């Protein structure tokens, strides 16, 4: 699962490892998951044109890329709120989606908040894009 900050980083100049993770998702080497809260967050952030002033992609190209990602995502409904009590309450939905999807990992640049909840799920890893590419190598 891709946290919004990883998606944004992939779309900005110098996206590096975040871009490599996104590319792997688009080439179906990783199976991204998506739920209602994460979709709403993606749409909100991708609609902020000032955030992408330094992007190498036009708004139209970002929209097309986002559509491509959506077609690769597995939709998951979250029926149980675990409330992992992350430092940033707004990030709790990531853990809940990851648990509901039985995801292997949440890929984020925000390890400080996402990896430090009170409720732990040992099978759900929280990784940076660089760590993701090391733990789950793909031939890109």
C-alpha atoms as a PDB file:
ATOM      1  CA  UNK A   1       0.000   0.000   0.000  1.00  0.00           C
ATOM      2  CA  UNK A   2       1.289   3.451  -0.915  1.00  0.00           C
ATOM      3  CA  UNK A   3       0.908   6.265   1.573  1.00  0.00           C
ATOM      4  CA  UNK A   4      -0.019   9.559  -0.059  1.00  0.00           C
ATOM      5  CA  UNK A   5       3.412  11.049   0.638  1.00  0.00           C
ATOM      6  CA  UNK A   6       5.029   8.278  -1.414  1.00  0.00           C
ATOM      7  CA  UNK A   7       2.686   8.907  -4.343  1.00  0.00           C
ATOM      8  CA  UNK A   8       3.371  12.649  -4.210  1.00  0.00           C
ATOM      9  CA  UNK A   9       7.137  12.116  -3.984  1.00  0.00           C
ATOM     10  CA  UNK A  10       6.984   9.872  -7.059  1.00  0.00           C
ATOM     11  CA  UNK A  11       5.323  12.662  -9.046  1.00  0.00           C
ATOM     12  CA  UNK A  12       7.783  15.387  -8.116  1.00  0.00           C
ATOM     13  CA  UNK A  13      11.155  16.106  -9.689  1.00  0.00           C
ATOM     14  CA  UNK A  14      13.738  13.673  -8.359  1.00  0.00           C
ATOM     15  CA  UNK A  15      11.163  11.070  -7.255  1.00  0.00           C
ATOM     16  CA  UNK A  16      13.878   8.405  -6.993  1.00  0.00           C
ATOM     17  CA  UNK A  17      12.881   5.338  -5.026  1.00  0.00           C
ATOM     18  CA  UNK A  18       9.269   6.509  -4.592  1.00  0.00           C
ATOM     19  CA  UNK A  19       9.009   6.684  -8.382  1.00  0.00           C
ATOM     20  CA  UNK A  20      10.524   3.195  -8.674  1.00  0.00           C
ATOM     21  CA  UNK A  21       7.884   1.831  -6.268  1.00  0.00           C
ATOM     22  CA  UNK A  22       5.094   3.551  -8.222  1.00  0.00           C
ATOM     23  CA  UNK A  23       6.511   2.184 -11.476  1.00  0.00           C
ATOM     24  CA  UNK A  24       6.537  -1.324  -9.981  1.00  0.00           C
ATOM     25  CA  UNK A  25       2.864  -0.892  -9.043  1.00  0.00           C
ATOM     26  CA  UNK A  26       2.012   0.251 -12.559  1.00  0.00           C
ATOM     27  CA  UNK A  27       3.861  -2.757 -14.000  1.00  0.00           C
ATOM     28  CA  UNK A  28       1.964  -5.074 -11.634  1.00  0.00           C
ATOM     29  CA  UNK A  29       5.076  -6.140  -9.760  1.00  0.00           C
ATOM     30  CA  UNK A  30       3.489  -4.879  -6.535  1.00  0.00           C
ATOM     31  CA  UNK A  31      -0.232  -5.079  -5.778  1.00  0.00           C
ATOM     32  CA  UNK A  32      -1.305  -1.739  -4.288  1.00  0.00           C
ATOM     33  CA  UNK A  33      -4.458  -1.629  -2.195  1.00  0.00           C
ATOM     34  CA  UNK A  34      -6.940   1.176  -1.897  1.00  0.00           C
ATOM     35  CA  UNK A  35      -9.900   1.969   0.309  1.00  0.00           C
ATOM     36  CA  UNK A  36     -12.318   4.886   0.623  1.00  0.00           C
ATOM     37  CA  UNK A  37     -10.236   6.975   3.058  1.00  0.00           C
ATOM     38  CA  UNK A  38      -6.992   6.573   1.102  1.00  0.00           C
ATOM     39  CA  UNK A  39      -8.735   7.336  -2.196  1.00  0.00           C
ATOM     40  CA  UNK A  40     -10.195  10.533  -0.724  1.00  0.00           C
ATOM     41  CA  UNK A  41      -6.759  11.525   0.563  1.00  0.00           C
ATOM     42  CA  UNK A  42      -5.139  10.835  -2.827  1.00  0.00           C
ATOM     43  CA  UNK A  43      -7.765  12.907  -4.643  1.00  0.00           C
ATOM     44  CA  UNK A  44      -7.477  15.783  -2.177  1.00  0.00           C
ATOM     45  CA  UNK A  45      -3.697  16.002  -2.368  1.00  0.00           C
ATOM     46  CA  UNK A  46      -3.492  15.463  -6.138  1.00  0.00           C
ATOM     47  CA  UNK A  47      -5.934  18.355  -6.561  1.00  0.00           C
ATOM     48  CA  UNK A  48      -3.492  20.817  -4.953  1.00  0.00           C
ATOM     49  CA  UNK A  49      -1.879  22.369  -8.017  1.00  0.00           C
ATOM     50  CA  UNK A  50       0.558  24.456  -5.937  1.00  0.00           C
ATOM     51  CA  UNK A  51       2.046  21.249  -4.533  1.00  0.00           C
ATOM     52  CA  UNK A  52       3.012  20.153  -8.043  1.00  0.00           C
ATOM     53  CA  UNK A  53       4.509  23.417  -9.277  1.00  0.00           C
ATOM     54  CA  UNK A  54       7.875  21.616  -9.514  1.00  0.00           C
ATOM     55  CA  UNK A  55       6.460  18.449 -11.068  1.00  0.00           C
ATOM     56  CA  UNK A  56       7.847  17.120 -14.324  1.00  0.00           C
ATOM     57  CA  UNK A  57       4.303  16.080 -15.269  1.00  0.00           C
ATOM     58  CA  UNK A  58       1.404  18.250 -16.364  1.00  0.00           C
ATOM     59  CA  UNK A  59      -1.912  18.049 -14.510  1.00  0.00           C
ATOM     60  CA  UNK A  60      -3.301  15.947 -17.369  1.00  0.00           C
ATOM     61  CA  UNK A  61      -0.352  13.546 -17.219  1.00  0.00           C
ATOM     62  CA  UNK A  62      -0.687  13.244 -13.430  1.00  0.00           C
ATOM     63  CA  UNK A  63      -4.376  12.449 -13.883  1.00  0.00           C
ATOM     64  CA  UNK A  64      -3.611   9.760 -16.461  1.00  0.00           C
ATOM     65  CA  UNK A  65      -0.939   8.240 -14.244  1.00  0.00           C
ATOM     66  CA  UNK A  66      -3.337   8.281 -11.277  1.00  0.00           C
ATOM     67  CA  UNK A  67      -6.010   6.549 -13.387  1.00  0.00           C
ATOM     68  CA  UNK A  68      -3.451   3.896 -14.305  1.00  0.00           C
ATOM     69  CA  UNK A  69      -2.619   3.369 -10.641  1.00  0.00           C
ATOM     70  CA  UNK A  70      -6.290   3.093  -9.726  1.00  0.00           C
ATOM     71  CA  UNK A  71      -6.719   0.335 -12.303  1.00  0.00           C
ATOM     72  CA  UNK A  72      -3.895  -1.625 -10.652  1.00  0.00           C
ATOM     73  CA  UNK A  73      -5.214  -1.238  -7.103  1.00  0.00           C
ATOM     74  CA  UNK A  74      -7.177  -3.874  -5.245  1.00  0.00           C
ATOM     75  CA  UNK A  75     -10.196  -2.237  -3.589  1.00  0.00           C
ATOM     76  CA  UNK A  76     -10.578  -3.111   0.088  1.00  0.00           C
ATOM     77  CA  UNK A  77     -13.398  -2.125   2.413  1.00  0.00           C
ATOM     78  CA  UNK A  78     -12.484  -1.591   6.043  1.00  0.00           C
ATOM     79  CA  UNK A  79     -15.187  -2.999   8.303  1.00  0.00           C
ATOM     80  CA  UNK A  80     -13.387  -2.791  11.621  1.00  0.00           C
ATOM     81  CA  UNK A  81     -11.697   0.284  13.106  1.00  0.00           C
ATOM     82  CA  UNK A  82      -8.651  -0.939  15.013  1.00  0.00           C
ATOM     83  CA  UNK A  83      -7.662   2.539  16.214  1.00  0.00           C
ATOM     84  CA  UNK A  84      -3.912   1.913  16.472  1.00  0.00           C
ATOM     85  CA  UNK A  85      -3.494   5.371  18.095  1.00  0.00           C
ATOM     86  CA  UNK A  86      -0.787   6.688  15.822  1.00  0.00           C
ATOM     87  CA  UNK A  87       0.823  10.005  16.784  1.00  0.00           C
ATOM     88  CA  UNK A  88      -1.062  11.581  13.874  1.00  0.00           C
ATOM     89  CA  UNK A  89      -4.673  10.402  14.235  1.00  0.00           C
ATOM     90  CA  UNK A  90      -5.264  11.086  10.537  1.00  0.00           C
ATOM     91  CA  UNK A  91      -2.892   8.211   9.668  1.00  0.00           C
ATOM     92  CA  UNK A  92      -4.854   5.508  11.534  1.00  0.00           C
ATOM     93  CA  UNK A  93      -6.755   4.659   8.349  1.00  0.00           C
ATOM     94  CA  UNK A  94      -3.499   3.400   6.791  1.00  0.00           C
ATOM     95  CA  UNK A  95      -3.035   0.724   9.442  1.00  0.00           C
ATOM     96  CA  UNK A  96      -6.714  -0.216   9.301  1.00  0.00           C
ATOM     97  CA  UNK A  97      -6.576  -0.574   5.510  1.00  0.00           C
ATOM     98  CA  UNK A  98      -3.338  -2.542   5.683  1.00  0.00           C
ATOM     99  CA  UNK A  99      -4.821  -4.970   8.211  1.00  0.00           C
ATOM    100  CA  UNK A 100      -8.088  -5.350   6.270  1.00  0.00           C
ATOM    101  CA  UNK A 101      -6.161  -5.974   3.044  1.00  0.00           C
ATOM    102  CA  UNK A 102      -3.678  -8.333   4.724  1.00  0.00           C
ATOM    103  CA  UNK A 103      -1.037  -6.176   3.049  1.00  0.00           C
ATOM    104  CA  UNK A 104       2.636  -7.003   3.364  1.00  0.00           C
ATOM    105  CA  UNK A 105       3.659  -3.381   3.878  1.00  0.00           C
ATOM    106  CA  UNK A 106       2.742   0.270   4.013  1.00  0.00           C
ATOM    107  CA  UNK A 107       5.235   2.278   1.973  1.00  0.00           C
ATOM    108  CA  UNK A 108       5.656   5.730   3.471  1.00  0.00           C
ATOM    109  CA  UNK A 109       8.157   8.496   4.068  1.00  0.00           C
ATOM    110  CA  UNK A 110       6.506   9.082   7.457  1.00  0.00           C
ATOM    111  CA  UNK A 111       7.972   6.275   9.569  1.00  0.00           C
ATOM    112  CA  UNK A 112       7.964   8.499  12.647  1.00  0.00           C
ATOM    113  CA  UNK A 113       4.156   8.534  12.791  1.00  0.00           C
ATOM    114  CA  UNK A 114       2.986   5.440  10.907  1.00  0.00           C
ATOM    115  CA  UNK A 115       5.320   2.944  12.584  1.00  0.00           C
ATOM    116  CA  UNK A 116       4.700   4.080  16.151  1.00  0.00           C
ATOM    117  CA  UNK A 117       1.167   3.164  17.094  1.00  0.00           C
ATOM    118  CA  UNK A 118       0.153   1.676  20.408  1.00  0.00           C
ATOM    119  CA  UNK A 119      -1.455  -1.328  18.697  1.00  0.00           C
ATOM    120  CA  UNK A 120       1.064  -3.476  16.792  1.00  0.00           C
ATOM    121  CA  UNK A 121       0.468  -5.769  13.817  1.00  0.00           C
ATOM    122  CA  UNK A 122       3.672  -7.817  13.343  1.00  0.00           C
ATOM    123  CA  UNK A 123       2.732  -9.055   9.848  1.00  0.00           C
ATOM    124  CA  UNK A 124       2.267  -5.484   8.544  1.00  0.00           C
ATOM    125  CA  UNK A 125       5.582  -3.799   7.843  1.00  0.00           C
ATOM    126  CA  UNK A 126       6.017  -0.046   7.606  1.00  0.00           C
ATOM    127  CA  UNK A 127       8.774   0.683   5.084  1.00  0.00           C
ATOM    128  CA  UNK A 128      10.313   3.630   3.285  1.00  0.00           C
ATOM    129  CA  UNK A 129      10.357   3.360  -0.515  1.00  0.00           C
ATOM    130  CA  UNK A 130      14.060   2.451  -0.312  1.00  0.00           C
ATOM    131  CA  UNK A 131      13.365  -0.299   2.213  1.00  0.00           C
ATOM    132  CA  UNK A 132      10.478  -1.582   0.111  1.00  0.00           C
ATOM    133  CA  UNK A 133      12.735  -1.993  -2.910  1.00  0.00           C
ATOM    134  CA  UNK A 134      15.272  -3.870  -0.758  1.00  0.00           C
ATOM    135  CA  UNK A 135      12.772  -6.151   1.006  1.00  0.00           C
ATOM    136  CA  UNK A 136      10.627  -6.779  -2.097  1.00  0.00           C
ATOM    137  CA  UNK A 137      13.059  -6.461  -5.040  1.00  0.00           C
ATOM    138  CA  UNK A 138      11.593  -6.065  -8.502  1.00  0.00           C
ATOM    139  CA  UNK A 139      13.392  -6.222 -11.869  1.00  0.00           C
ATOM    140  CA  UNK A 140      12.866  -2.621 -13.024  1.00  0.00           C
END
